[in-house]
PDB file of N, CA and C in Angstrom:
ATOM      1  N   MET A   1      28.826 -57.501 -12.074  1.00  0.00           N
ATOM      2  CA  MET A   1      28.278 -56.609 -12.655  1.00  0.00           C
ATOM      3  C   MET A   1      26.788 -56.251 -12.141  1.00  0.00           C
ATOM      4  N   ALA A   2      26.469 -55.447 -11.638  1.00  0.00           N
ATOM      5  CA  ALA A   2      24.926 -55.132 -11.084  1.00  0.00           C
ATOM      6  C   ALA A   2      24.115 -54.785 -12.429  1.00  0.00           C
ATOM      7  N   ASN A   3      22.651 -55.395 -12.161  1.00  0.00           N
ATOM      8  CA  ASN A   3      21.848 -54.798 -13.353  1.00  0.00           C
ATOM      9  C   ASN A   3      21.723 -53.196 -13.562  1.00  0.00           C
ATOM     10  N   PRO A   4      21.322 -52.996 -14.628  1.00  0.00           N
ATOM     11  CA  PRO A   4      21.053 -51.714 -14.232  1.00  0.00           C
ATOM     12  C   PRO A   4      19.489 -51.429 -14.116  1.00  0.00           C
ATOM     13  N   GLN A   5      19.682 -50.067 -13.806  1.00  0.00           N
ATOM     14  CA  GLN A   5      18.438 -49.393 -13.154  1.00  0.00           C
ATOM     15  C   GLN A   5      17.607 -49.245 -15.172  1.00  0.00           C
ATOM     16  N   ILE A   6      16.199 -48.967 -15.020  1.00  0.00           N
ATOM     17  CA  ILE A   6      15.433 -48.664 -16.137  1.00  0.00           C
ATOM     18  C   ILE A   6      14.968 -46.973 -15.581  1.00  0.00           C
ATOM     19  N   LYS A   7      14.617 -46.351 -16.636  1.00  0.00           N
ATOM     20  CA  LYS A   7      13.946 -44.844 -16.283  1.00  0.00           C
ATOM     21  C   LYS A   7      13.370 -44.578 -17.484  1.00  0.00           C
ATOM     22  N   ARG A   8      12.449 -43.821 -17.664  1.00  0.00           N
ATOM     23  CA  ARG A   8      11.547 -42.811 -18.673  1.00  0.00           C
ATOM     24  C   ARG A   8      12.945 -41.928 -18.945  1.00  0.00           C
ATOM     25  N   VAL A   9      13.223 -41.685 -19.986  1.00  0.00           N
ATOM     26  CA  VAL A   9      13.849 -40.622 -20.770  1.00  0.00           C
ATOM     27  C   VAL A   9      13.345 -39.002 -20.113  1.00  0.00           C
ATOM     28  N   TYR A  10      11.968 -39.289 -19.855  1.00  0.00           N
ATOM     29  CA  TYR A  10      11.429 -37.674 -19.497  1.00  0.00           C
ATOM     30  C   TYR A  10      11.373 -37.879 -18.010  1.00  0.00           C
ATOM     31  N   GLU A  11      11.491 -38.828 -16.815  1.00  0.00           N
ATOM     32  CA  GLU A  11      11.415 -38.354 -15.472  1.00  0.00           C
ATOM     33  C   GLU A  11      12.997 -37.684 -15.036  1.00  0.00           C
ATOM     34  N   ARG A  12      12.248 -37.083 -14.252  1.00  0.00           N
ATOM     35  CA  ARG A  12      14.206 -36.584 -13.244  1.00  0.00           C
ATOM     36  C   ARG A  12      14.787 -37.538 -13.000  1.00  0.00           C
ATOM     37  N   ARG A  13      16.515 -37.163 -13.512  1.00  0.00           N
ATOM     38  CA  ARG A  13      17.072 -37.782 -13.232  1.00  0.00           C
ATOM     39  C   ARG A  13      18.005 -37.537 -11.281  1.00  0.00           C
ATOM     40  N   SER A  14      18.168 -38.737 -11.256  1.00  0.00           N
ATOM     41  CA  SER A  14      19.071 -38.290 -10.110  1.00  0.00           C
ATOM     42  C   SER A  14      20.504 -38.655  -9.507  1.00  0.00           C
ATOM     43  N   SER A  15      20.883 -38.658  -8.339  1.00  0.00           N
ATOM     44  CA  SER A  15      22.811 -38.804  -8.208  1.00  0.00           C
ATOM     45  C   SER A  15      22.595 -40.868  -8.139  1.00  0.00           C
ATOM     46  N   ASP A  16      21.311 -41.321  -7.938  1.00  0.00           N
ATOM     47  CA  ASP A  16      21.146 -42.691  -7.931  1.00  0.00           C
ATOM     48  C   ASP A  16      21.793 -43.116  -9.657  1.00  0.00           C
ATOM     49  N   ASP A  17      21.369 -42.344 -10.559  1.00  0.00           N
ATOM     50  CA  ASP A  17      20.846 -43.383 -11.474  1.00  0.00           C
ATOM     51  C   ASP A  17      22.696 -43.739 -12.228  1.00  0.00           C
ATOM     52  N   GLY A  18      23.673 -43.106 -11.796  1.00  0.00           N
ATOM     53  CA  GLY A  18      24.907 -43.390 -12.313  1.00  0.00           C
ATOM     54  C   GLY A  18      25.277 -42.836 -14.274  1.00  0.00           C
ATOM     55  N   LEU A  19      25.696 -43.601 -14.763  1.00  0.00           N
ATOM     56  CA  LEU A  19      26.264 -42.893 -15.927  1.00  0.00           C
ATOM     57  C   LEU A  19      24.293 -43.811 -16.899  1.00  0.00           C
ATOM     58  N   CYS A  20      23.985 -42.562 -17.726  1.00  0.00           N
ATOM     59  CA  CYS A  20      22.487 -42.945 -18.162  1.00  0.00           C
ATOM     60  C   CYS A  20      23.069 -43.004 -19.681  1.00  0.00           C
ATOM     61  N   VAL A  21      22.098 -44.473 -20.197  1.00  0.00           N
ATOM     62  CA  VAL A  21      22.261 -44.997 -21.652  1.00  0.00           C
ATOM     63  C   VAL A  21      21.015 -45.099 -22.301  1.00  0.00           C
ATOM     64  N   LEU A  22      20.587 -44.001 -23.360  1.00  0.00           N
ATOM     65  CA  LEU A  22      19.752 -43.998 -23.851  1.00  0.00           C
ATOM     66  C   LEU A  22      19.680 -44.983 -24.883  1.00  0.00           C
ATOM     67  N   VAL A  23      18.747 -46.120 -24.718  1.00  0.00           N
ATOM     68  CA  VAL A  23      18.398 -47.041 -25.612  1.00  0.00           C
ATOM     69  C   VAL A  23      17.399 -47.376 -26.310  1.00  0.00           C
ATOM     70  N   ASP A  24      16.768 -46.134 -26.771  1.00  0.00           N
ATOM     71  CA  ASP A  24      15.830 -45.867 -28.254  1.00  0.00           C
ATOM     72  C   ASP A  24      16.806 -45.658 -29.536  1.00  0.00           C
ATOM     73  N   ARG A  25      16.188 -46.515 -30.579  1.00  0.00           N
ATOM     74  CA  ARG A  25      16.661 -46.184 -32.160  1.00  0.00           C
ATOM     75  C   ARG A  25      16.714 -45.386 -32.440  1.00  0.00           C
ATOM     76  N   VAL A  26      15.567 -44.413 -32.205  1.00  0.00           N
ATOM     77  CA  VAL A  26      15.554 -43.171 -32.468  1.00  0.00           C
ATOM     78  C   VAL A  26      15.441 -41.896 -31.539  1.00  0.00           C
ATOM     79  N   TRP A  27      15.824 -40.990 -31.489  1.00  0.00           N
ATOM     80  CA  TRP A  27      15.702 -39.838 -30.223  1.00  0.00           C
ATOM     81  C   TRP A  27      14.651 -39.497 -29.709  1.00  0.00           C
ATOM     82  N   PRO A  28      14.587 -39.238 -28.839  1.00  0.00           N
ATOM     83  CA  PRO A  28      13.206 -39.176 -28.064  1.00  0.00           C
ATOM     84  C   PRO A  28      12.533 -37.670 -28.420  1.00  0.00           C
ATOM     85  N   ARG A  29      11.255 -37.748 -28.136  1.00  0.00           N
ATOM     86  CA  ARG A  29      10.458 -36.691 -29.081  1.00  0.00           C
ATOM     87  C   ARG A  29      10.478 -35.596 -27.768  1.00  0.00           C
ATOM     88  N   GLY A  30      10.780 -34.213 -28.133  1.00  0.00           N
ATOM     89  CA  GLY A  30      10.289 -32.958 -27.097  1.00  0.00           C
ATOM     90  C   GLY A  30      11.671 -32.682 -26.015  1.00  0.00           C
ATOM     91  N   ILE A  31      12.784 -33.183 -26.323  1.00  0.00           N
ATOM     92  CA  ILE A  31      13.752 -33.748 -25.750  1.00  0.00           C
ATOM     93  C   ILE A  31      14.867 -33.008 -26.569  1.00  0.00           C
ATOM     94  N   SER A  32      15.876 -31.948 -25.812  1.00  0.00           N
ATOM     95  CA  SER A  32      17.142 -31.829 -26.943  1.00  0.00           C
ATOM     96  C   SER A  32      18.256 -32.270 -26.219  1.00  0.00           C
ATOM     97  N   LYS A  33      19.146 -32.319 -26.643  1.00  0.00           N
ATOM     98  CA  LYS A  33      20.037 -33.030 -26.666  1.00  0.00           C
ATOM     99  C   LYS A  33      21.118 -32.561 -25.565  1.00  0.00           C
ATOM    100  N   GLU A  34      20.955 -31.318 -25.169  1.00  0.00           N
ATOM    101  CA  GLU A  34      21.834 -30.582 -24.448  1.00  0.00           C
ATOM    102  C   GLU A  34      21.137 -30.869 -23.088  1.00  0.00           C
ATOM    103  N   LYS A  35      19.455 -30.754 -23.273  1.00  0.00           N
ATOM    104  CA  LYS A  35      18.528 -31.104 -21.943  1.00  0.00           C
ATOM    105  C   LYS A  35      18.882 -32.532 -21.365  1.00  0.00           C
ATOM    106  N   LEU A  36      19.249 -33.264 -22.331  1.00  0.00           N
ATOM    107  CA  LEU A  36      19.948 -34.797 -21.556  1.00  0.00           C
ATOM    108  C   LEU A  36      21.062 -34.744 -20.923  1.00  0.00           C
ATOM    109  N   GLY A  37      22.075 -34.068 -21.285  1.00  0.00           N
ATOM    110  CA  GLY A  37      23.405 -33.673 -21.210  1.00  0.00           C
ATOM    111  C   GLY A  37      24.283 -34.793 -21.438  1.00  0.00           C
ATOM    112  N   ASP A  38      25.231 -35.379 -20.500  1.00  0.00           N
ATOM    113  CA  ASP A  38      25.777 -36.496 -20.611  1.00  0.00           C
ATOM    114  C   ASP A  38      25.549 -37.695 -21.262  1.00  0.00           C
ATOM    115  N   VAL A  39      24.422 -37.624 -21.682  1.00  0.00           N
ATOM    116  CA  VAL A  39      23.781 -39.439 -21.284  1.00  0.00           C
ATOM    117  C   VAL A  39      24.649 -39.981 -22.959  1.00  0.00           C
ATOM    118  N   VAL A  40      24.874 -41.292 -23.000  1.00  0.00           N
ATOM    119  CA  VAL A  40      25.233 -41.574 -24.238  1.00  0.00           C
ATOM    120  C   VAL A  40      23.874 -42.295 -24.675  1.00  0.00           C
ATOM    121  N   TRP A  41      24.020 -41.783 -25.453  1.00  0.00           N
ATOM    122  CA  TRP A  41      23.052 -42.786 -26.324  1.00  0.00           C
ATOM    123  C   TRP A  41      23.567 -44.314 -27.069  1.00  0.00           C
ATOM    124  N   PHE A  42      23.102 -45.402 -27.027  1.00  0.00           N
ATOM    125  CA  PHE A  42      23.772 -46.106 -27.568  1.00  0.00           C
ATOM    126  C   PHE A  42      22.311 -47.259 -28.411  1.00  0.00           C
ATOM    127  N   LYS A  43      22.079 -46.645 -29.503  1.00  0.00           N
ATOM    128  CA  LYS A  43      21.108 -46.817 -30.478  1.00  0.00           C
ATOM    129  C   LYS A  43      21.638 -48.449 -31.256  1.00  0.00           C
ATOM    130  N   ASP A  44      22.550 -48.727 -31.001  1.00  0.00           N
ATOM    131  CA  ASP A  44      22.596 -50.348 -31.429  1.00  0.00           C
ATOM    132  C   ASP A  44      22.626 -51.453 -30.756  1.00  0.00           C
ATOM    133  N   VAL A  45      22.125 -51.261 -29.341  1.00  0.00           N
ATOM    134  CA  VAL A  45      21.450 -51.760 -28.640  1.00  0.00           C
ATOM    135  C   VAL A  45      19.987 -52.305 -28.724  1.00  0.00           C
ATOM    136  N   ALA A  46      19.566 -51.171 -29.521  1.00  0.00           N
ATOM    137  CA  ALA A  46      17.906 -50.627 -29.426  1.00  0.00           C
ATOM    138  C   ALA A  46      17.246 -51.880 -30.506  1.00  0.00           C
ATOM    139  N   PRO A  47      16.132 -51.957 -30.108  1.00  0.00           N
ATOM    140  CA  PRO A  47      15.369 -52.995 -31.393  1.00  0.00           C
ATOM    141  C   PRO A  47      15.556 -52.589 -32.622  1.00  0.00           C
ATOM    142  N   SER A  48      15.707 -53.227 -33.560  1.00  0.00           N
ATOM    143  CA  SER A  48      15.576 -52.767 -35.094  1.00  0.00           C
ATOM    144  C   SER A  48      14.090 -51.855 -35.486  1.00  0.00           C
ATOM    145  N   THR A  49      14.688 -51.237 -36.511  1.00  0.00           N
ATOM    146  CA  THR A  49      13.535 -50.320 -36.922  1.00  0.00           C
ATOM    147  C   THR A  49      12.068 -51.443 -37.384  1.00  0.00           C
ATOM    148  N   GLU A  50      12.404 -52.421 -38.086  1.00  0.00           N
ATOM    149  CA  GLU A  50      11.239 -53.022 -38.452  1.00  0.00           C
ATOM    150  C   GLU A  50      10.681 -53.966 -37.182  1.00  0.00           C
ATOM    151  N   LEU A  51      11.597 -54.226 -36.402  1.00  0.00           N
ATOM    152  CA  LEU A  51      10.333 -54.529 -34.846  1.00  0.00           C
ATOM    153  C   LEU A  51      10.032 -53.759 -34.033  1.00  0.00           C
ATOM    154  N   ARG A  52      10.625 -52.638 -34.146  1.00  0.00           N
ATOM    155  CA  ARG A  52       9.720 -51.652 -33.254  1.00  0.00           C
ATOM    156  C   ARG A  52       8.509 -51.158 -33.918  1.00  0.00           C
ATOM    157  N   LYS A  53       8.590 -50.989 -35.522  1.00  0.00           N
ATOM    158  CA  LYS A  53       7.702 -51.046 -35.623  1.00  0.00           C
ATOM    159  C   LYS A  53       6.098 -51.948 -35.771  1.00  0.00           C
ATOM    160  N   TRP A  54       7.093 -53.215 -35.945  1.00  0.00           N
ATOM    161  CA  TRP A  54       6.027 -54.352 -35.893  1.00  0.00           C
ATOM    162  C   TRP A  54       5.445 -54.517 -34.280  1.00  0.00           C
ATOM    163  N   PHE A  55       6.131 -54.121 -33.073  1.00  0.00           N
ATOM    164  CA  PHE A  55       5.644 -54.391 -31.775  1.00  0.00           C
ATOM    165  C   PHE A  55       4.714 -53.004 -31.569  1.00  0.00           C
ATOM    166  N   ASN A  56       4.743 -51.896 -32.056  1.00  0.00           N
ATOM    167  CA  ASN A  56       4.101 -51.125 -31.811  1.00  0.00           C
ATOM    168  C   ASN A  56       2.977 -51.026 -30.867  1.00  0.00           C
ATOM    169  N   HIS A  57       4.372 -51.147 -29.647  1.00  0.00           N
ATOM    170  CA  HIS A  57       3.613 -51.053 -28.216  1.00  0.00           C
ATOM    171  C   HIS A  57       2.585 -51.800 -27.728  1.00  0.00           C
ATOM    172  N   ARG A  58       1.967 -52.988 -28.693  1.00  0.00           N
ATOM    173  CA  ARG A  58       1.235 -53.456 -28.818  1.00  0.00           C
ATOM    174  C   ARG A  58       1.228 -55.052 -27.639  1.00  0.00           C
ATOM    175  N   PRO A  59       0.523 -54.756 -26.224  1.00  0.00           N
ATOM    176  CA  PRO A  59       0.708 -55.921 -25.416  1.00  0.00           C
ATOM    177  C   PRO A  59       0.718 -57.071 -25.662  1.00  0.00           C
ATOM    178  N   GLU A  60      -0.079 -57.648 -26.719  1.00  0.00           N
ATOM    179  CA  GLU A  60      -0.635 -58.455 -26.720  1.00  0.00           C
ATOM    180  C   GLU A  60       0.255 -59.297 -27.617  1.00  0.00           C
ATOM    181  N   ARG A  61       1.344 -58.235 -28.082  1.00  0.00           N
ATOM    182  CA  ARG A  61       2.590 -58.601 -28.836  1.00  0.00           C
ATOM    183  C   ARG A  61       3.594 -58.796 -27.889  1.00  0.00           C
ATOM    184  N   TRP A  62       3.598 -58.912 -26.832  1.00  0.00           N
ATOM    185  CA  TRP A  62       5.038 -58.430 -25.655  1.00  0.00           C
ATOM    186  C   TRP A  62       5.520 -59.865 -25.700  1.00  0.00           C
ATOM    187  N   LYS A  63       5.437 -61.251 -25.517  1.00  0.00           N
ATOM    188  CA  LYS A  63       5.858 -62.077 -25.590  1.00  0.00           C
ATOM    189  C   LYS A  63       7.218 -62.554 -26.935  1.00  0.00           C
ATOM    190  N   GLN A  64       6.297 -62.566 -28.179  1.00  0.00           N
ATOM    191  CA  GLN A  64       6.861 -62.228 -29.344  1.00  0.00           C
ATOM    192  C   GLN A  64       7.696 -61.308 -29.237  1.00  0.00           C
ATOM    193  N   PHE A  65       7.306 -60.215 -28.966  1.00  0.00           N
ATOM    194  CA  PHE A  65       8.730 -58.932 -29.406  1.00  0.00           C
ATOM    195  C   PHE A  65       9.615 -59.635 -28.319  1.00  0.00           C
ATOM    196  N   CYS A  66       9.628 -59.783 -27.101  1.00  0.00           N
ATOM    197  CA  CYS A  66      10.646 -60.421 -26.284  1.00  0.00           C
ATOM    198  C   CYS A  66      11.773 -61.011 -26.540  1.00  0.00           C
ATOM    199  N   ALA A  67      10.965 -62.096 -27.201  1.00  0.00           N
ATOM    200  CA  ALA A  67      12.040 -63.311 -28.132  1.00  0.00           C
ATOM    201  C   ALA A  67      12.509 -62.510 -29.213  1.00  0.00           C
ATOM    202  N   ARG A  68      11.621 -61.926 -30.103  1.00  0.00           N
ATOM    203  CA  ARG A  68      12.572 -61.470 -31.250  1.00  0.00           C
ATOM    204  C   ARG A  68      13.741 -60.306 -31.234  1.00  0.00           C
ATOM    205  N   TYR A  69      13.620 -59.644 -30.010  1.00  0.00           N
ATOM    206  CA  TYR A  69      14.679 -58.977 -29.274  1.00  0.00           C
ATOM    207  C   TYR A  69      15.683 -59.604 -28.775  1.00  0.00           C
ATOM    208  N   ALA A  70      15.268 -60.394 -27.835  1.00  0.00           N
ATOM    209  CA  ALA A  70      16.660 -61.198 -27.717  1.00  0.00           C
ATOM    210  C   ALA A  70      17.531 -61.828 -28.774  1.00  0.00           C
ATOM    211  N   ALA A  71      16.578 -62.289 -29.461  1.00  0.00           N
ATOM    212  CA  ALA A  71      17.369 -63.060 -31.080  1.00  0.00           C
ATOM    213  C   ALA A  71      18.086 -61.942 -31.587  1.00  0.00           C
ATOM    214  N   GLU A  72      18.080 -60.557 -31.743  1.00  0.00           N
ATOM    215  CA  GLU A  72      18.727 -59.927 -32.206  1.00  0.00           C
ATOM    216  C   GLU A  72      19.604 -59.198 -31.340  1.00  0.00           C
ATOM    217  N   LEU A  73      20.020 -59.474 -30.028  1.00  0.00           N
ATOM    218  CA  LEU A  73      21.044 -58.807 -29.325  1.00  0.00           C
ATOM    219  C   LEU A  73      21.880 -60.218 -29.039  1.00  0.00           C
ATOM    220  N   ASP A  74      21.539 -61.264 -29.672  1.00  0.00           N
ATOM    221  CA  ASP A  74      22.023 -62.510 -29.650  1.00  0.00           C
ATOM    222  C   ASP A  74      23.472 -62.383 -30.865  1.00  0.00           C
ATOM    223  N   ARG A  75      21.977 -61.851 -32.013  1.00  0.00           N
ATOM    224  CA  ARG A  75      23.352 -61.099 -33.496  1.00  0.00           C
ATOM    225  C   ARG A  75      24.326 -60.218 -33.210  1.00  0.00           C
ATOM    226  N   ASN A  76      23.952 -59.519 -32.061  1.00  0.00           N
ATOM    227  CA  ASN A  76      24.916 -58.363 -32.013  1.00  0.00           C
ATOM    228  C   ASN A  76      26.088 -58.380 -30.649  1.00  0.00           C
ATOM    229  N   PRO A  77      27.001 -59.221 -30.596  1.00  0.00           N
ATOM    230  CA  PRO A  77      27.478 -59.272 -29.530  1.00  0.00           C
ATOM    231  C   PRO A  77      28.436 -58.669 -29.343  1.00  0.00           C
ATOM    232  N   ASP A  78      28.797 -57.673 -30.066  1.00  0.00           N
ATOM    233  CA  ASP A  78      29.931 -56.552 -29.902  1.00  0.00           C
ATOM    234  C   ASP A  78      29.199 -55.471 -29.185  1.00  0.00           C
ATOM    235  N   ALA A  79      28.138 -55.101 -29.367  1.00  0.00           N
ATOM    236  CA  ALA A  79      27.540 -54.213 -28.871  1.00  0.00           C
ATOM    237  C   ALA A  79      26.661 -54.381 -27.896  1.00  0.00           C
ATOM    238  N   ILE A  80      26.692 -55.810 -27.328  1.00  0.00           N
ATOM    239  CA  ILE A  80      26.380 -56.311 -26.081  1.00  0.00           C
ATOM    240  C   ILE A  80      27.555 -56.199 -24.907  1.00  0.00           C
ATOM    241  N   ALA A  81      28.868 -56.356 -25.746  1.00  0.00           N
ATOM    242  CA  ALA A  81      29.873 -56.453 -24.795  1.00  0.00           C
ATOM    243  C   ALA A  81      30.217 -54.963 -24.391  1.00  0.00           C
ATOM    244  N   LYS A  82      30.367 -54.158 -25.383  1.00  0.00           N
ATOM    245  CA  LYS A  82      29.993 -52.928 -25.751  1.00  0.00           C
ATOM    246  C   LYS A  82      29.473 -52.282 -24.307  1.00  0.00           C
ATOM    247  N   LEU A  83      28.121 -52.428 -23.776  1.00  0.00           N
ATOM    248  CA  LEU A  83      27.483 -52.085 -22.961  1.00  0.00           C
ATOM    249  C   LEU A  83      27.976 -53.225 -21.732  1.00  0.00           C
ATOM    250  N   ARG A  84      28.073 -54.247 -21.749  1.00  0.00           N
ATOM    251  CA  ARG A  84      28.580 -54.529 -20.531  1.00  0.00           C
ATOM    252  C   ARG A  84      29.663 -54.029 -19.520  1.00  0.00           C
ATOM    253  N   ALA A  85      30.664 -53.489 -21.041  1.00  0.00           N
ATOM    254  CA  ALA A  85      32.359 -52.799 -20.270  1.00  0.00           C
ATOM    255  C   ALA A  85      31.503 -51.702 -19.506  1.00  0.00           C
ATOM    256  N   ILE A  86      30.375 -51.474 -20.006  1.00  0.00           N
ATOM    257  CA  ILE A  86      30.027 -49.610 -18.850  1.00  0.00           C
ATOM    258  C   ILE A  86      29.682 -50.171 -18.320  1.00  0.00           C
ATOM    259  N   CYS A  87      28.246 -51.277 -17.748  1.00  0.00           N
ATOM    260  CA  CYS A  87      27.970 -51.655 -16.732  1.00  0.00           C
ATOM    261  C   CYS A  87      28.754 -52.152 -15.516  1.00  0.00           C
ATOM    262  N   VAL A  88      29.896 -52.915 -16.264  1.00  0.00           N
ATOM    263  CA  VAL A  88      31.165 -53.176 -15.032  1.00  0.00           C
ATOM    264  C   VAL A  88      31.908 -52.146 -14.356  1.00  0.00           C
ATOM    265  N   ARG A  89      31.452 -50.758 -14.842  1.00  0.00           N
ATOM    266  CA  ARG A  89      32.483 -49.403 -14.871  1.00  0.00           C
ATOM    267  C   ARG A  89      31.465 -48.704 -13.231  1.00  0.00           C
ATOM    268  N   GLY A  90      30.527 -48.937 -13.252  1.00  0.00           N
ATOM    269  CA  GLY A  90      29.482 -48.272 -12.088  1.00  0.00           C
ATOM    270  C   GLY A  90      28.166 -48.477 -12.392  1.00  0.00           C
ATOM    271  N   PRO A  91      27.496 -47.873 -11.345  1.00  0.00           N
ATOM    272  CA  PRO A  91      25.683 -47.561 -11.690  1.00  0.00           C
ATOM    273  C   PRO A  91      25.426 -47.209 -13.030  1.00  0.00           C
ATOM    274  N   VAL A  92      24.348 -47.857 -13.560  1.00  0.00           N
ATOM    275  CA  VAL A  92      24.074 -47.801 -14.565  1.00  0.00           C
ATOM    276  C   VAL A  92      22.479 -47.558 -15.237  1.00  0.00           C
ATOM    277  N   THR A  93      22.155 -46.676 -15.722  1.00  0.00           N
ATOM    278  CA  THR A  93      20.332 -46.328 -15.773  1.00  0.00           C
ATOM    279  C   THR A  93      19.843 -46.259 -17.433  1.00  0.00           C
ATOM    280  N   LEU A  94      19.570 -47.337 -17.895  1.00  0.00           N
ATOM    281  CA  LEU A  94      18.857 -47.497 -19.302  1.00  0.00           C
ATOM    282  C   LEU A  94      17.524 -46.542 -19.509  1.00  0.00           C
ATOM    283  N   LEU A  95      17.987 -45.578 -20.533  1.00  0.00           N
ATOM    284  CA  LEU A  95      16.845 -44.456 -20.506  1.00  0.00           C
ATOM    285  C   LEU A  95      16.206 -45.419 -21.768  1.00  0.00           C
ATOM    286  N   TYR A  96      14.386 -45.064 -21.630  1.00  0.00           N
ATOM    287  CA  TYR A  96      13.874 -45.507 -23.144  1.00  0.00           C
ATOM    288  C   TYR A  96      12.965 -44.410 -23.376  1.00  0.00           C
ATOM    289  N   SER A  97      12.107 -44.303 -23.955  1.00  0.00           N
ATOM    290  CA  SER A  97      11.096 -42.670 -24.314  1.00  0.00           C
ATOM    291  C   SER A  97       9.706 -43.385 -24.091  1.00  0.00           C
ATOM    292  N   ALA A  98       9.270 -44.800 -24.563  1.00  0.00           N
ATOM    293  CA  ALA A  98       7.921 -44.983 -24.725  1.00  0.00           C
ATOM    294  C   ALA A  98       7.195 -45.011 -23.217  1.00  0.00           C
ATOM    295  N   ARG A  99       6.081 -44.888 -23.602  1.00  0.00           N
ATOM    296  CA  ARG A  99       5.417 -44.512 -22.248  1.00  0.00           C
ATOM    297  C   ARG A  99       4.498 -45.497 -21.605  1.00  0.00           C
ATOM    298  N   ASP A 100       4.904 -46.619 -21.958  1.00  0.00           N
ATOM    299  CA  ASP A 100       4.628 -47.816 -21.349  1.00  0.00           C
ATOM    300  C   ASP A 100       5.443 -48.782 -20.119  1.00  0.00           C
ATOM    301  N   VAL A 101       5.395 -48.542 -19.247  1.00  0.00           N
ATOM    302  CA  VAL A 101       7.133 -48.425 -18.411  1.00  0.00           C
ATOM    303  C   VAL A 101       6.466 -50.546 -18.279  1.00  0.00           C
ATOM    304  N   ALA A 102       5.452 -51.212 -18.359  1.00  0.00           N
ATOM    305  CA  ALA A 102       5.385 -52.497 -18.349  1.00  0.00           C
ATOM    306  C   ALA A 102       5.916 -53.254 -19.561  1.00  0.00           C
ATOM    307  N   HIS A 103       6.273 -52.587 -20.712  1.00  0.00           N
ATOM    308  CA  HIS A 103       6.561 -53.093 -22.367  1.00  0.00           C
ATOM    309  C   HIS A 103       7.303 -52.131 -22.702  1.00  0.00           C
ATOM    310  N   ASN A 104       8.429 -52.291 -22.471  1.00  0.00           N
ATOM    311  CA  ASN A 104       9.454 -51.437 -24.010  1.00  0.00           C
ATOM    312  C   ASN A 104      10.907 -52.629 -23.447  1.00  0.00           C
ATOM    313  N   GLN A 105      11.498 -51.936 -24.614  1.00  0.00           N
ATOM    314  CA  GLN A 105      12.556 -52.517 -24.814  1.00  0.00           C
ATOM    315  C   GLN A 105      13.923 -52.722 -23.536  1.00  0.00           C
ATOM    316  N   ALA A 106      13.808 -51.308 -22.895  1.00  0.00           N
ATOM    317  CA  ALA A 106      14.848 -51.530 -21.896  1.00  0.00           C
ATOM    318  C   ALA A 106      14.517 -52.147 -21.105  1.00  0.00           C
ATOM    319  N   LEU A 107      13.115 -52.928 -20.330  1.00  0.00           N
ATOM    320  CA  LEU A 107      13.287 -53.789 -19.567  1.00  0.00           C
ATOM    321  C   LEU A 107      13.740 -55.409 -20.181  1.00  0.00           C
ATOM    322  N   VAL A 108      13.539 -55.600 -21.781  1.00  0.00           N
ATOM    323  CA  VAL A 108      14.098 -56.784 -22.130  1.00  0.00           C
ATOM    324  C   VAL A 108      15.482 -56.755 -22.199  1.00  0.00           C
ATOM    325  N   LEU A 109      16.462 -55.604 -22.136  1.00  0.00           N
ATOM    326  CA  LEU A 109      17.280 -55.278 -22.074  1.00  0.00           C
ATOM    327  C   LEU A 109      17.851 -55.567 -20.887  1.00  0.00           C
ATOM    328  N   ALA A 110      17.615 -54.969 -19.715  1.00  0.00           N
ATOM    329  CA  ALA A 110      18.435 -55.177 -18.867  1.00  0.00           C
ATOM    330  C   ALA A 110      18.027 -56.771 -18.506  1.00  0.00           C
ATOM    331  N   GLU A 111      16.755 -57.205 -18.266  1.00  0.00           N
ATOM    332  CA  GLU A 111      16.525 -58.957 -18.578  1.00  0.00           C
ATOM    333  C   GLU A 111      17.621 -59.551 -18.804  1.00  0.00           C
ATOM    334  N   TYR A 112      17.693 -59.575 -20.276  1.00  0.00           N
ATOM    335  CA  TYR A 112      18.955 -59.914 -20.747  1.00  0.00           C
ATOM    336  C   TYR A 112      20.473 -59.734 -20.264  1.00  0.00           C
ATOM    337  N   LEU A 113      20.893 -58.541 -20.459  1.00  0.00           N
ATOM    338  CA  LEU A 113      22.279 -58.672 -19.355  1.00  0.00           C
ATOM    339  C   LEU A 113      22.289 -58.818 -18.269  1.00  0.00           C
ATOM    340  N   GLY A 114      21.223 -59.458 -17.611  1.00  0.00           N
ATOM    341  CA  GLY A 114      21.487 -60.233 -16.304  1.00  0.00           C
ATOM    342  C   GLY A 114      21.112 -61.687 -16.576  1.00  0.00           C
ATOM    343  N   ALA A 115      20.688 -61.963 -17.464  1.00  0.00           N
ATOM    344  CA  ALA A 115      20.624 -63.602 -17.693  1.00  0.00           C
ATOM    345  C   ALA A 115      21.296 -63.984 -18.927  1.00  0.00           C
ATOM    346  N   HIS A 116      22.781 -63.217 -19.521  1.00  0.00           N
ATOM    347  CA  HIS A 116      23.256 -63.973 -19.995  1.00  0.00           C
ATOM    348  C   HIS A 116      24.712 -63.087 -20.082  1.00  0.00           C
ATOM    349  N   ARG A 117      25.359 -63.789 -18.970  1.00  0.00           N
ATOM    350  CA  ARG A 117      26.807 -62.970 -17.994  1.00  0.00           C
ATOM    351  C   ARG A 117      27.641 -63.596 -18.972  1.00  0.00           C
TER     352      ARG A 117
END
């Protein structure tokens, strides 16, 4: 299984993206489902609403967010197994809507998938 790529949902998609999987709990603002086309929305692997609101994209909470999110993923083996099965089939790009490219759940999720094979 290759590690998935990561991309903001607002970026132009390319042929290298493979299957695009939206990993946000809520649908991204300003984008219609028609515009995203064949994107798979996999909100079961997104951070819980409580964790997302607590983090609030505050960089000083990043390390603690990573640990809490990994713990949530540990408690969700069925969803992780489904995502792994998707990743085995071919290239996957995890899509997220956060503005902060250095502090978002897609980064944590990709690292988690790589570390917990």
